[in-house]
């Protein structure tokens, strides 16, 4: 389990059937973007790219779009990274609720 004081890199993922786009945020550095095929070869290329970026402690998030992200999420978790699949409908409802109270 990660200590809450540890620095964590963040990977935003926009997933589709054929490909996925990523945005890597590392501290105050410029956001780095890249596109990969949504298949095992693309997952391996992602891992190589993350290694080149010196990523060790990663938290990734993607929208739960059909089942397109399941294999990628499994791939990331198997390598010790955190992966979240976010339900867009729930997020939209919560944001609307927050707007009412602000």
N, C-alpha and C. Protein backbone atom coordinates (compact mmCIF):
# COMPACT_ATOMS: atom_id res chain seq x y z
N UNK A 1 0.85 -1.18 0.00
CA UNK A 1 0.00 0.00 0.00
C UNK A 1 0.89 1.23 0.00
N UNK A 2 0.51 2.22 -0.79
CA UNK A 2 1.31 3.44 -0.90
C UNK A 2 1.05 4.36 0.27
N UNK A 3 2.13 5.00 0.74
CA UNK A 3 2.03 6.01 1.77
C UNK A 3 1.38 7.25 1.15
N UNK A 4 0.49 7.91 1.86
CA UNK A 4 -0.22 9.06 1.31
C UNK A 4 0.70 10.22 0.98
N UNK A 5 1.94 10.23 1.51
CA UNK A 5 2.89 11.30 1.23
C UNK A 5 3.72 11.03 -0.02
N UNK A 6 3.60 9.85 -0.59
CA UNK A 6 4.37 9.52 -1.79
C UNK A 6 3.85 10.29 -2.99
N UNK A 7 4.78 10.68 -3.86
CA UNK A 7 4.40 11.35 -5.11
C UNK A 7 3.91 10.28 -6.07
N UNK A 8 2.81 10.60 -6.73
CA UNK A 8 2.19 9.65 -7.64
C UNK A 8 2.02 10.32 -9.01
N UNK A 9 2.46 9.64 -10.06
CA UNK A 9 2.19 10.12 -11.41
C UNK A 9 0.76 9.75 -11.77
N UNK A 10 0.13 10.55 -12.62
CA UNK A 10 -1.26 10.33 -13.00
C UNK A 10 -1.35 10.13 -14.50
N UNK A 11 -2.10 9.10 -14.90
CA UNK A 11 -2.30 8.80 -16.31
C UNK A 11 -3.79 8.84 -16.61
N UNK A 12 -4.21 9.83 -17.39
CA UNK A 12 -5.58 9.90 -17.87
C UNK A 12 -5.67 9.14 -19.18
N UNK A 13 -6.69 8.32 -19.32
CA UNK A 13 -6.82 7.46 -20.50
C UNK A 13 -8.18 7.68 -21.15
N UNK A 14 -8.17 7.95 -22.45
CA UNK A 14 -9.39 8.02 -23.25
C UNK A 14 -9.39 6.78 -24.13
N UNK A 15 -10.29 5.85 -23.82
CA UNK A 15 -10.26 4.52 -24.45
C UNK A 15 -11.35 4.39 -25.51
N UNK A 16 -11.02 3.67 -26.57
CA UNK A 16 -12.02 3.31 -27.58
C UNK A 16 -11.72 1.88 -28.03
N UNK A 17 -12.51 1.39 -28.94
CA UNK A 17 -12.37 0.00 -29.37
C UNK A 17 -10.99 -0.27 -30.00
N UNK A 18 -10.50 0.64 -30.83
CA UNK A 18 -9.27 0.39 -31.58
C UNK A 18 -8.01 0.98 -30.94
N UNK A 19 -8.16 2.06 -30.16
CA UNK A 19 -6.97 2.75 -29.63
C UNK A 19 -7.28 3.39 -28.29
N UNK A 20 -6.22 3.86 -27.64
CA UNK A 20 -6.40 4.67 -26.44
C UNK A 20 -5.37 5.79 -26.43
N UNK A 21 -5.84 6.96 -26.02
CA UNK A 21 -4.99 8.15 -25.89
C UNK A 21 -4.69 8.32 -24.42
N UNK A 22 -3.45 8.68 -24.11
CA UNK A 22 -3.07 8.89 -22.72
C UNK A 22 -2.49 10.28 -22.54
N UNK A 23 -2.66 10.79 -21.32
CA UNK A 23 -2.03 12.04 -20.89
C UNK A 23 -1.36 11.75 -19.56
N UNK A 24 -0.04 11.89 -19.52
CA UNK A 24 0.73 11.60 -18.32
C UNK A 24 1.09 12.91 -17.62
N UNK A 25 0.74 12.98 -16.33
CA UNK A 25 1.06 14.14 -15.51
C UNK A 25 2.06 13.70 -14.45
N UNK A 26 3.22 14.34 -14.46
CA UNK A 26 4.29 14.05 -13.49
C UNK A 26 4.68 15.35 -12.80
N UNK A 27 4.15 15.55 -11.60
CA UNK A 27 4.47 16.77 -10.86
C UNK A 27 4.11 18.01 -11.64
N UNK A 28 5.05 18.95 -11.73
CA UNK A 28 4.82 20.21 -12.44
C UNK A 28 5.31 20.17 -13.87
N UNK A 29 5.74 19.00 -14.34
CA UNK A 29 6.25 18.89 -15.71
C UNK A 29 5.11 19.04 -16.72
N UNK A 30 5.48 19.33 -17.95
CA UNK A 30 4.51 19.44 -19.03
C UNK A 30 3.79 18.10 -19.21
N UNK A 31 2.50 18.15 -19.49
CA UNK A 31 1.72 16.93 -19.73
C UNK A 31 2.22 16.28 -21.01
N UNK A 32 2.43 14.96 -20.95
CA UNK A 32 2.90 14.20 -22.11
C UNK A 32 1.76 13.35 -22.64
N UNK A 33 1.54 13.42 -23.97
CA UNK A 33 0.45 12.70 -24.61
C UNK A 33 0.98 11.66 -25.58
N UNK A 34 0.25 10.56 -25.72
CA UNK A 34 0.64 9.52 -26.67
C UNK A 34 -0.59 8.67 -26.98
N UNK A 35 -0.56 8.01 -28.14
CA UNK A 35 -1.66 7.15 -28.58
C UNK A 35 -1.12 5.74 -28.79
N UNK A 36 -1.90 4.74 -28.36
CA UNK A 36 -1.51 3.33 -28.48
C UNK A 36 -2.69 2.52 -29.02
N UNK A 37 -2.37 1.40 -29.65
CA UNK A 37 -3.41 0.47 -30.08
C UNK A 37 -4.01 -0.21 -28.86
N UNK A 38 -5.32 -0.45 -28.90
CA UNK A 38 -6.00 -1.11 -27.79
C UNK A 38 -5.92 -2.63 -27.98
N UNK A 39 -4.71 -3.15 -27.79
CA UNK A 39 -4.45 -4.58 -27.89
C UNK A 39 -3.18 -4.89 -27.09
N UNK A 40 -2.83 -6.16 -26.92
CA UNK A 40 -1.64 -6.49 -26.11
C UNK A 40 -0.36 -5.82 -26.58
N UNK A 41 -0.20 -5.63 -27.88
CA UNK A 41 1.01 -4.96 -28.38
C UNK A 41 1.02 -3.50 -27.94
N UNK A 42 -0.14 -2.85 -27.99
CA UNK A 42 -0.24 -1.46 -27.54
C UNK A 42 0.01 -1.34 -26.05
N UNK A 43 -0.46 -2.33 -25.27
CA UNK A 43 -0.23 -2.31 -23.83
C UNK A 43 1.28 -2.41 -23.54
N UNK A 44 1.96 -3.28 -24.28
CA UNK A 44 3.41 -3.43 -24.11
C UNK A 44 4.14 -2.13 -24.48
N UNK A 45 3.68 -1.48 -25.55
CA UNK A 45 4.28 -0.19 -25.94
C UNK A 45 4.05 0.86 -24.86
N UNK A 46 2.86 0.85 -24.25
CA UNK A 46 2.59 1.76 -23.14
C UNK A 46 3.58 1.52 -22.01
N UNK A 47 3.79 0.26 -21.64
CA UNK A 47 4.72 -0.06 -20.55
C UNK A 47 6.13 0.43 -20.88
N UNK A 48 6.57 0.23 -22.12
CA UNK A 48 7.90 0.72 -22.53
C UNK A 48 7.96 2.24 -22.40
N UNK A 49 6.91 2.93 -22.83
CA UNK A 49 6.88 4.38 -22.76
C UNK A 49 6.89 4.85 -21.30
N UNK A 50 6.11 4.19 -20.44
CA UNK A 50 6.12 4.55 -19.02
C UNK A 50 7.50 4.34 -18.41
N UNK A 51 8.18 3.27 -18.81
CA UNK A 51 9.56 3.05 -18.34
C UNK A 51 10.47 4.19 -18.77
N UNK A 52 10.34 4.64 -20.01
CA UNK A 52 11.16 5.75 -20.52
C UNK A 52 10.89 7.04 -19.74
N UNK A 53 9.66 7.19 -19.22
CA UNK A 53 9.29 8.38 -18.44
C UNK A 53 9.66 8.22 -16.97
N UNK A 54 10.30 7.11 -16.61
CA UNK A 54 10.70 6.82 -15.22
C UNK A 54 9.50 6.75 -14.27
N UNK A 55 8.40 6.20 -14.76
CA UNK A 55 7.20 6.05 -13.93
C UNK A 55 7.34 4.80 -13.07
N UNK A 56 7.11 4.95 -11.78
CA UNK A 56 7.11 3.80 -10.88
C UNK A 56 5.82 3.74 -10.08
N UNK A 57 5.33 4.87 -9.64
CA UNK A 57 4.11 4.93 -8.83
C UNK A 57 3.04 5.64 -9.66
N UNK A 58 2.12 4.87 -10.22
CA UNK A 58 1.17 5.41 -11.18
C UNK A 58 -0.26 5.16 -10.74
N UNK A 59 -1.08 6.19 -10.92
CA UNK A 59 -2.53 6.07 -10.73
C UNK A 59 -3.17 6.43 -12.07
N UNK A 60 -3.90 5.48 -12.66
CA UNK A 60 -4.52 5.72 -13.96
C UNK A 60 -6.03 5.74 -13.81
N UNK A 61 -6.68 6.53 -14.67
CA UNK A 61 -8.13 6.63 -14.67
C UNK A 61 -8.63 6.64 -16.11
N UNK A 62 -9.74 5.93 -16.33
CA UNK A 62 -10.39 5.94 -17.63
C UNK A 62 -11.89 5.79 -17.44
N UNK A 63 -12.63 6.30 -18.41
CA UNK A 63 -14.07 6.14 -18.38
C UNK A 63 -14.41 4.69 -18.71
N UNK A 64 -15.40 4.16 -18.03
CA UNK A 64 -15.85 2.79 -18.29
C UNK A 64 -16.72 2.79 -19.55
N UNK A 65 -16.07 2.76 -20.70
CA UNK A 65 -16.75 2.79 -22.00
C UNK A 65 -16.93 1.38 -22.49
N UNK A 66 -18.15 0.86 -22.37
CA UNK A 66 -18.43 -0.54 -22.72
C UNK A 66 -17.42 -1.41 -21.99
N UNK A 67 -16.82 -2.35 -22.67
CA UNK A 67 -15.79 -3.19 -22.05
C UNK A 67 -14.41 -2.88 -22.62
N UNK A 68 -14.29 -1.80 -23.37
CA UNK A 68 -13.05 -1.49 -24.08
C UNK A 68 -11.84 -1.33 -23.18
N UNK A 69 -12.02 -0.88 -21.96
CA UNK A 69 -10.89 -0.62 -21.07
C UNK A 69 -10.55 -1.74 -20.11
N UNK A 70 -11.35 -2.79 -20.09
CA UNK A 70 -11.14 -3.85 -19.10
C UNK A 70 -9.76 -4.51 -19.21
N UNK A 71 -9.35 -4.87 -20.41
CA UNK A 71 -8.06 -5.54 -20.59
C UNK A 71 -6.90 -4.62 -20.20
N UNK A 72 -7.00 -3.35 -20.57
CA UNK A 72 -5.95 -2.39 -20.21
C UNK A 72 -5.89 -2.20 -18.70
N UNK A 73 -7.04 -2.07 -18.05
CA UNK A 73 -7.06 -1.93 -16.59
C UNK A 73 -6.42 -3.14 -15.93
N UNK A 74 -6.76 -4.32 -16.41
CA UNK A 74 -6.16 -5.56 -15.87
C UNK A 74 -4.65 -5.55 -16.07
N UNK A 75 -4.20 -5.15 -17.25
CA UNK A 75 -2.77 -5.07 -17.57
C UNK A 75 -2.06 -4.15 -16.57
N UNK A 76 -2.62 -2.98 -16.32
CA UNK A 76 -2.00 -2.01 -15.42
C UNK A 76 -1.94 -2.54 -13.99
N UNK A 77 -3.03 -3.11 -13.51
CA UNK A 77 -3.08 -3.64 -12.15
C UNK A 77 -2.09 -4.79 -11.98
N UNK A 78 -1.98 -5.65 -12.98
CA UNK A 78 -1.04 -6.77 -12.90
C UNK A 78 0.41 -6.30 -12.80
N UNK A 79 0.67 -5.07 -13.22
CA UNK A 79 2.02 -4.51 -13.13
C UNK A 79 2.20 -3.64 -11.89
N UNK A 80 1.23 -3.66 -11.01
CA UNK A 80 1.36 -2.95 -9.74
C UNK A 80 0.88 -1.51 -9.75
N UNK A 81 0.28 -1.07 -10.85
CA UNK A 81 -0.25 0.29 -10.92
C UNK A 81 -1.70 0.31 -10.43
N UNK A 82 -2.15 1.49 -10.02
CA UNK A 82 -3.55 1.67 -9.67
C UNK A 82 -4.32 2.01 -10.94
N UNK A 83 -5.51 1.43 -11.09
CA UNK A 83 -6.35 1.71 -12.26
C UNK A 83 -7.78 1.89 -11.80
N UNK A 84 -8.40 2.97 -12.25
CA UNK A 84 -9.80 3.25 -11.92
C UNK A 84 -10.61 3.33 -13.21
N UNK A 85 -11.74 2.65 -13.21
CA UNK A 85 -12.71 2.76 -14.29
C UNK A 85 -13.85 3.62 -13.75
N UNK A 86 -14.07 4.76 -14.37
CA UNK A 86 -15.06 5.73 -13.87
C UNK A 86 -16.34 5.66 -14.69
N UNK A 87 -17.47 5.64 -14.00
CA UNK A 87 -18.77 5.62 -14.63
C UNK A 87 -19.19 7.06 -14.91
N UNK A 88 -19.25 7.44 -16.18
CA UNK A 88 -19.53 8.83 -16.56
C UNK A 88 -20.91 9.28 -16.08
N UNK A 89 -21.91 8.42 -16.13
CA UNK A 89 -23.25 8.83 -15.68
C UNK A 89 -23.25 9.20 -14.21
N UNK A 90 -22.56 8.43 -13.39
CA UNK A 90 -22.49 8.76 -11.96
C UNK A 90 -21.74 10.07 -11.74
N UNK A 91 -20.67 10.27 -12.48
CA UNK A 91 -19.90 11.50 -12.33
C UNK A 91 -20.75 12.70 -12.70
N UNK A 92 -21.49 12.61 -13.81
CA UNK A 92 -22.34 13.72 -14.24
C UNK A 92 -23.36 14.07 -13.17
N UNK A 93 -24.01 13.05 -12.59
CA UNK A 93 -25.02 13.30 -11.55
C UNK A 93 -24.39 13.96 -10.32
N UNK A 94 -23.22 13.47 -9.91
CA UNK A 94 -22.56 14.05 -8.73
C UNK A 94 -22.14 15.49 -8.97
N UNK A 95 -21.62 15.77 -10.17
CA UNK A 95 -21.23 17.14 -10.47
C UNK A 95 -22.45 18.07 -10.45
N UNK A 96 -23.58 17.60 -10.97
CA UNK A 96 -24.80 18.41 -10.95
C UNK A 96 -25.24 18.66 -9.51
N UNK A 97 -25.11 17.66 -8.66
CA UNK A 97 -25.47 17.84 -7.26
C UNK A 97 -24.56 18.86 -6.61
N UNK A 98 -23.26 18.80 -6.92
CA UNK A 98 -22.31 19.74 -6.33
C UNK A 98 -22.64 21.17 -6.78
N UNK A 99 -23.04 21.35 -8.04
CA UNK A 99 -23.39 22.67 -8.53
C UNK A 99 -24.56 23.27 -7.77
N UNK A 100 -25.50 22.43 -7.36
CA UNK A 100 -26.68 22.92 -6.62
C UNK A 100 -26.30 23.51 -5.27
N UNK A 101 -25.24 22.98 -4.67
CA UNK A 101 -24.87 23.41 -3.33
C UNK A 101 -23.78 24.46 -3.31
N UNK A 102 -23.33 24.89 -4.45
CA UNK A 102 -22.25 25.89 -4.49
C UNK A 102 -22.80 27.26 -4.78
